[in-house]
Each structure stands twice: as C-alpha cells, then as structure tokens.
Amino acid sequence: MIENLALVAPIGTAGSAEGLTSADAAARLEQYGSNAVTQAQPRGVGTFLRKFWGVIPWMLEFALIADLIVGRWVEALVIGTLLVFNAVLAFSRRVGPSRRSPCCVSA
C-alpha cells in the first residue's frame, strides 16, 4: 500500500487534508476525463449460447445424447426442454436489467 502512495503524490494536492479545490477538480476532469467505467453491452446470440457451456449443461447435453441414442424420446425431450428453459431464464436475467433505465436498476 505504501508503494502506491508514491504514484499518487506527483499528481498534485493528493496530500492535502482539505481535498481538491473546485478549480483543481475541473482541471483534472478536463485532463483525465470522468471517473466512469463503461459497462459492455451483452451480445445477443453469443450470450445465449454461452448458457449451454459449463459442467452442468454438459451433463444434461450428454444425458440428452445418450437418451437419443438409446431411443428414450420422452426423456430426451424433457432434458432438452429443461436445458433450453434454463438457458432462456439465465439469458433473460442477464440481458434484462441492462436494457432498463439506470433509475430502475437496483444496486
């Protein structure tokens, strides 16, 4: 932590107990820009397809393929439905809040 202080000190009034003046803040805002992090917007198809990637989806996909090979069509249909339902639910929970206005999104 002490090593990081050396990086802050050359900027200017970092050691001041009162903080920055309005003029200093305006100058830093102009020089460095606002202190904001942009959030990447989720991509539609890629984000949805990633819901099928992982250990649990792989187990369900393996069971689905095994049931299709054995000829258990009803079980394969149930497993496929669960797999797609889970992906749709996870996708809607991931993409849904990003499309709302910032005032309505809870932290």
Foldseek 3Di string as FASTA:
>chain_A
DVVVVVVVVVVPVPVDPVDDDPVSVVVCCVVPNDPDDDDDADDDPVLLVCLCDDDVNVVLVVVLVVCVVVVVVVVNVVSVVVSNVSSVVVRCVVNVLVPDDPVPDDD
